[in-house]
Amino acid sequence: MTTLYNDISEEKFGASFKDTILFGGISPDDVPLPEDPDGTNLAKLAAMYSDGVIIGDSAVSSDLVGYCKGLDVPTLDFNAESMENGTYAREYDEFYQQL
């Protein structure tokens, strides 16, 4: 499960970043990051390997939300009302139960 908020860094990671996540039988083909990875690309990678994605903030980029919705994984949209009245926990739990 991946939950996305509006705290994704656009800063480019170091050139050796991709090499640091290749361990335990993970191959470069398993990690489709561009040569200059950033937080958005890492979030996309996490979503790609998740059982589901929760959009936890209204300010998550539309590009990232669109990418997640295009994956073959369930996606729970951000719901401002449930955040304001505190029912988001029940909404999240119901989403988890579907998975």
N, C-alpha and C. Protein backbone atom coordinates (compact mmCIF):
# COMPACT_ATOMS: atom_id res chain seq x y z
N MET A 1 0.84 -1.17 0.00
CA MET A 1 0.00 0.00 0.00
C MET A 1 0.89 1.23 0.00
N THR A 2 0.53 2.18 -0.83
CA THR A 2 1.23 3.46 -0.89
C THR A 2 0.23 4.58 -0.67
N THR A 3 0.55 5.51 0.22
CA THR A 3 -0.26 6.70 0.40
C THR A 3 0.58 7.89 -0.02
N LEU A 4 0.03 8.71 -0.89
CA LEU A 4 0.75 9.86 -1.43
C LEU A 4 0.24 11.15 -0.82
N TYR A 5 1.16 12.00 -0.41
CA TYR A 5 0.86 13.32 0.14
C TYR A 5 1.59 14.36 -0.70
N ASN A 6 1.41 15.61 -0.34
CA ASN A 6 2.06 16.69 -1.07
C ASN A 6 3.44 16.99 -0.47
N ASP A 7 4.23 15.95 -0.28
CA ASP A 7 5.56 16.15 0.27
C ASP A 7 6.63 15.45 -0.56
N ILE A 8 6.35 15.31 -1.84
CA ILE A 8 7.26 14.59 -2.73
C ILE A 8 8.30 15.57 -3.28
N SER A 9 9.54 15.25 -3.04
CA SER A 9 10.63 16.13 -3.45
C SER A 9 10.85 16.06 -4.95
N GLU A 10 11.05 17.20 -5.54
CA GLU A 10 11.40 17.27 -6.96
C GLU A 10 12.91 17.35 -7.15
N GLU A 11 13.63 17.33 -6.03
CA GLU A 11 15.08 17.37 -6.09
C GLU A 11 15.59 16.09 -6.76
N LYS A 12 16.58 16.24 -7.63
CA LYS A 12 17.17 15.09 -8.31
C LYS A 12 18.04 14.32 -7.31
N PHE A 13 17.93 12.98 -7.36
CA PHE A 13 18.78 12.14 -6.52
C PHE A 13 20.14 12.00 -7.17
N GLY A 14 21.12 11.58 -6.40
CA GLY A 14 22.47 11.41 -6.91
C GLY A 14 22.54 10.37 -8.02
N ALA A 15 23.59 10.45 -8.81
CA ALA A 15 23.77 9.55 -9.95
C ALA A 15 23.83 8.09 -9.53
N SER A 16 24.26 7.81 -8.32
CA SER A 16 24.38 6.41 -7.88
C SER A 16 23.13 5.90 -7.18
N PHE A 17 22.07 6.71 -7.11
CA PHE A 17 20.86 6.31 -6.38
C PHE A 17 20.31 4.98 -6.87
N LYS A 18 20.18 4.84 -8.16
CA LYS A 18 19.60 3.60 -8.71
C LYS A 18 20.41 2.38 -8.30
N ASP A 19 21.71 2.52 -8.25
CA ASP A 19 22.57 1.40 -7.86
C ASP A 19 22.34 0.99 -6.41
N THR A 20 21.96 1.93 -5.56
CA THR A 20 21.79 1.62 -4.14
C THR A 20 20.54 0.79 -3.86
N ILE A 21 19.60 0.76 -4.78
CA ILE A 21 18.39 -0.03 -4.54
C ILE A 21 18.40 -1.37 -5.25
N LEU A 22 19.50 -1.67 -5.92
CA LEU A 22 19.64 -2.98 -6.58
C LEU A 22 20.31 -3.95 -5.62
N PHE A 23 19.50 -4.68 -4.86
CA PHE A 23 20.01 -5.65 -3.91
C PHE A 23 19.01 -6.80 -3.81
N GLY A 24 19.40 -7.89 -3.22
CA GLY A 24 18.50 -9.00 -2.98
C GLY A 24 17.83 -9.55 -4.22
N GLY A 25 18.53 -9.58 -5.33
CA GLY A 25 17.96 -10.14 -6.54
C GLY A 25 17.18 -9.16 -7.39
N ILE A 26 17.16 -7.89 -7.00
CA ILE A 26 16.49 -6.85 -7.81
C ILE A 26 17.41 -6.50 -8.97
N SER A 27 16.85 -6.54 -10.16
CA SER A 27 17.65 -6.21 -11.34
C SER A 27 17.29 -4.82 -11.85
N PRO A 28 18.13 -4.25 -12.70
CA PRO A 28 17.81 -2.93 -13.28
C PRO A 28 16.47 -2.93 -14.02
N ASP A 29 16.07 -4.06 -14.58
CA ASP A 29 14.78 -4.14 -15.27
C ASP A 29 13.60 -4.02 -14.29
N ASP A 30 13.83 -4.38 -13.00
CA ASP A 30 12.79 -4.29 -11.98
C ASP A 30 12.58 -2.87 -11.49
N VAL A 31 13.52 -1.99 -11.78
CA VAL A 31 13.51 -0.63 -11.25
C VAL A 31 13.56 0.35 -12.41
N PRO A 32 12.43 0.60 -13.03
CA PRO A 32 12.42 1.47 -14.22
C PRO A 32 12.46 2.96 -13.90
N LEU A 33 13.58 3.38 -13.33
CA LEU A 33 13.77 4.80 -13.04
C LEU A 33 14.57 5.45 -14.17
N PRO A 34 14.29 6.69 -14.46
CA PRO A 34 15.11 7.38 -15.46
C PRO A 34 16.52 7.61 -14.92
N GLU A 35 17.39 8.04 -15.78
CA GLU A 35 18.78 8.27 -15.37
C GLU A 35 18.89 9.34 -14.28
N ASP A 36 17.98 10.31 -14.26
CA ASP A 36 17.99 11.37 -13.25
C ASP A 36 16.75 11.25 -12.37
N PRO A 37 16.71 10.26 -11.47
CA PRO A 37 15.50 10.04 -10.68
C PRO A 37 15.23 11.17 -9.69
N ASP A 38 13.93 11.38 -9.40
CA ASP A 38 13.51 12.36 -8.40
C ASP A 38 12.38 11.74 -7.58
N GLY A 39 11.83 12.52 -6.67
CA GLY A 39 10.80 12.01 -5.78
C GLY A 39 9.55 11.55 -6.50
N THR A 40 9.16 12.24 -7.56
CA THR A 40 7.97 11.83 -8.32
C THR A 40 8.19 10.47 -8.96
N ASN A 41 9.35 10.26 -9.54
CA ASN A 41 9.63 8.96 -10.15
C ASN A 41 9.69 7.85 -9.11
N LEU A 42 10.21 8.16 -7.93
CA LEU A 42 10.24 7.17 -6.86
C LEU A 42 8.82 6.85 -6.38
N ALA A 43 7.97 7.86 -6.29
CA ALA A 43 6.57 7.63 -5.91
C ALA A 43 5.86 6.76 -6.96
N LYS A 44 6.15 7.00 -8.23
CA LYS A 44 5.57 6.18 -9.30
C LYS A 44 6.03 4.73 -9.17
N LEU A 45 7.30 4.54 -8.86
CA LEU A 45 7.84 3.19 -8.68
C LEU A 45 7.14 2.50 -7.51
N ALA A 46 6.97 3.21 -6.40
CA ALA A 46 6.28 2.64 -5.23
C ALA A 46 4.85 2.25 -5.60
N ALA A 47 4.16 3.12 -6.31
CA ALA A 47 2.78 2.83 -6.71
C ALA A 47 2.71 1.62 -7.63
N MET A 48 3.69 1.50 -8.52
CA MET A 48 3.72 0.40 -9.47
C MET A 48 3.78 -0.96 -8.76
N TYR A 49 4.45 -1.01 -7.62
CA TYR A 49 4.61 -2.27 -6.89
C TYR A 49 3.68 -2.38 -5.69
N SER A 50 2.66 -1.53 -5.62
CA SER A 50 1.73 -1.54 -4.50
C SER A 50 0.46 -2.33 -4.82
N ASP A 51 -0.18 -2.78 -3.76
CA ASP A 51 -1.48 -3.44 -3.91
C ASP A 51 -2.59 -2.41 -4.07
N GLY A 52 -2.33 -1.18 -3.66
CA GLY A 52 -3.30 -0.10 -3.76
C GLY A 52 -2.63 1.22 -3.46
N VAL A 53 -3.28 2.30 -3.89
CA VAL A 53 -2.73 3.65 -3.69
C VAL A 53 -3.82 4.53 -3.10
N ILE A 54 -3.47 5.26 -2.06
CA ILE A 54 -4.36 6.25 -1.46
C ILE A 54 -3.81 7.63 -1.78
N ILE A 55 -4.64 8.48 -2.33
CA ILE A 55 -4.27 9.87 -2.56
C ILE A 55 -4.65 10.61 -1.28
N GLY A 56 -3.64 10.94 -0.46
CA GLY A 56 -3.88 11.47 0.88
C GLY A 56 -3.87 12.98 1.00
N ASP A 57 -3.83 13.69 -0.13
CA ASP A 57 -3.75 15.14 -0.09
C ASP A 57 -4.30 15.71 -1.39
N SER A 58 -4.99 16.81 -1.31
CA SER A 58 -5.57 17.42 -2.52
C SER A 58 -4.51 18.01 -3.43
N ALA A 59 -3.31 18.24 -2.90
CA ALA A 59 -2.27 18.91 -3.68
C ALA A 59 -1.27 17.94 -4.32
N VAL A 60 -1.56 16.63 -4.29
CA VAL A 60 -0.71 15.69 -5.02
C VAL A 60 -0.84 16.04 -6.51
N SER A 61 0.26 16.07 -7.21
CA SER A 61 0.24 16.52 -8.61
C SER A 61 -0.72 15.68 -9.45
N SER A 62 -1.40 16.35 -10.36
CA SER A 62 -2.36 15.66 -11.22
C SER A 62 -1.65 14.64 -12.10
N ASP A 63 -0.39 14.90 -12.45
CA ASP A 63 0.39 13.94 -13.23
C ASP A 63 0.56 12.64 -12.46
N LEU A 64 0.90 12.74 -11.19
CA LEU A 64 1.12 11.56 -10.36
C LEU A 64 -0.20 10.83 -10.11
N VAL A 65 -1.26 11.57 -9.84
CA VAL A 65 -2.58 10.94 -9.64
C VAL A 65 -3.00 10.21 -10.91
N GLY A 66 -2.83 10.85 -12.06
CA GLY A 66 -3.18 10.22 -13.33
C GLY A 66 -2.38 8.97 -13.59
N TYR A 67 -1.09 9.01 -13.26
CA TYR A 67 -0.24 7.84 -13.43
C TYR A 67 -0.78 6.68 -12.59
N CYS A 68 -1.08 6.96 -11.33
CA CYS A 68 -1.57 5.92 -10.42
C CYS A 68 -2.89 5.33 -10.90
N LYS A 69 -3.77 6.18 -11.38
CA LYS A 69 -5.06 5.69 -11.86
C LYS A 69 -4.91 4.86 -13.13
N GLY A 70 -3.82 5.06 -13.85
CA GLY A 70 -3.57 4.28 -15.06
C GLY A 70 -2.96 2.91 -14.78
N LEU A 71 -2.54 2.69 -13.55
CA LEU A 71 -1.99 1.39 -13.16
C LEU A 71 -3.14 0.41 -12.92
N ASP A 72 -2.80 -0.84 -12.88
CA ASP A 72 -3.81 -1.87 -12.61
C ASP A 72 -3.88 -2.15 -11.11
N VAL A 73 -4.04 -1.08 -10.31
CA VAL A 73 -4.17 -1.21 -8.86
C VAL A 73 -5.31 -0.30 -8.40
N PRO A 74 -6.03 -0.70 -7.37
CA PRO A 74 -7.09 0.16 -6.84
C PRO A 74 -6.50 1.47 -6.32
N THR A 75 -7.22 2.56 -6.56
CA THR A 75 -6.79 3.88 -6.11
C THR A 75 -7.95 4.56 -5.38
N LEU A 76 -7.66 5.06 -4.17
CA LEU A 76 -8.65 5.79 -3.40
C LEU A 76 -8.37 7.27 -3.55
N ASP A 77 -9.32 8.00 -4.11
CA ASP A 77 -9.17 9.44 -4.31
C ASP A 77 -9.19 10.19 -2.99
N PHE A 78 -8.59 11.37 -3.01
CA PHE A 78 -8.63 12.25 -1.85
C PHE A 78 -10.06 12.71 -1.62
N ASN A 79 -10.47 12.74 -0.35
CA ASN A 79 -11.81 13.17 0.02
C ASN A 79 -11.67 14.22 1.12
N ALA A 80 -11.78 15.49 0.75
CA ALA A 80 -11.59 16.59 1.71
C ALA A 80 -12.59 16.52 2.86
N GLU A 81 -13.82 16.17 2.56
CA GLU A 81 -14.85 16.11 3.61
C GLU A 81 -14.49 15.08 4.67
N SER A 82 -14.03 13.90 4.25
CA SER A 82 -13.70 12.87 5.24
C SER A 82 -12.46 13.27 6.06
N MET A 83 -11.57 14.04 5.47
CA MET A 83 -10.42 14.55 6.22
C MET A 83 -10.87 15.56 7.27
N GLU A 84 -11.80 16.43 6.88
CA GLU A 84 -12.28 17.47 7.80
C GLU A 84 -13.08 16.90 8.95
N ASN A 85 -13.93 15.91 8.67
CA ASN A 85 -14.79 15.40 9.74
C ASN A 85 -14.23 14.16 10.43
N GLY A 86 -13.05 13.70 10.01
CA GLY A 86 -12.38 12.59 10.69
C GLY A 86 -12.82 11.21 10.26
N THR A 87 -13.67 11.09 9.25
CA THR A 87 -14.13 9.77 8.82
C THR A 87 -13.17 9.12 7.83
N TYR A 88 -12.07 9.82 7.53
CA TYR A 88 -11.11 9.25 6.58
C TYR A 88 -10.55 7.91 7.07
N ALA A 89 -10.40 7.73 8.38
CA ALA A 89 -9.85 6.47 8.92
C ALA A 89 -10.77 5.31 8.55
N ARG A 90 -12.06 5.50 8.66
CA ARG A 90 -13.01 4.46 8.26
C ARG A 90 -12.94 4.22 6.75
N GLU A 91 -12.84 5.30 6.00
CA GLU A 91 -12.74 5.21 4.54
C GLU A 91 -11.47 4.45 4.14
N TYR A 92 -10.36 4.75 4.80
CA TYR A 92 -9.11 4.04 4.52
C TYR A 92 -9.25 2.56 4.88
N ASP A 93 -9.85 2.28 6.05
CA ASP A 93 -10.02 0.90 6.48
C ASP A 93 -10.87 0.11 5.49
N GLU A 94 -11.94 0.70 5.00
CA GLU A 94 -12.78 0.03 4.00
C GLU A 94 -11.99 -0.25 2.73
N PHE A 95 -11.13 0.68 2.36
CA PHE A 95 -10.30 0.50 1.17
C PHE A 95 -9.32 -0.66 1.39
N TYR A 96 -8.68 -0.68 2.58
CA TYR A 96 -7.75 -1.77 2.90
C TYR A 96 -8.45 -3.13 2.85
N GLN A 97 -9.69 -3.18 3.35
CA GLN A 97 -10.43 -4.45 3.40
C GLN A 97 -10.72 -4.99 1.99
N GLN A 98 -10.77 -4.11 0.99
CA GLN A 98 -11.01 -4.55 -0.39
C GLN A 98 -9.80 -5.26 -0.99
N LEU A 99 -8.64 -4.97 -0.43
CA LEU A 99 -7.41 -5.50 -1.02
C LEU A 99 -7.10 -6.86 -0.55
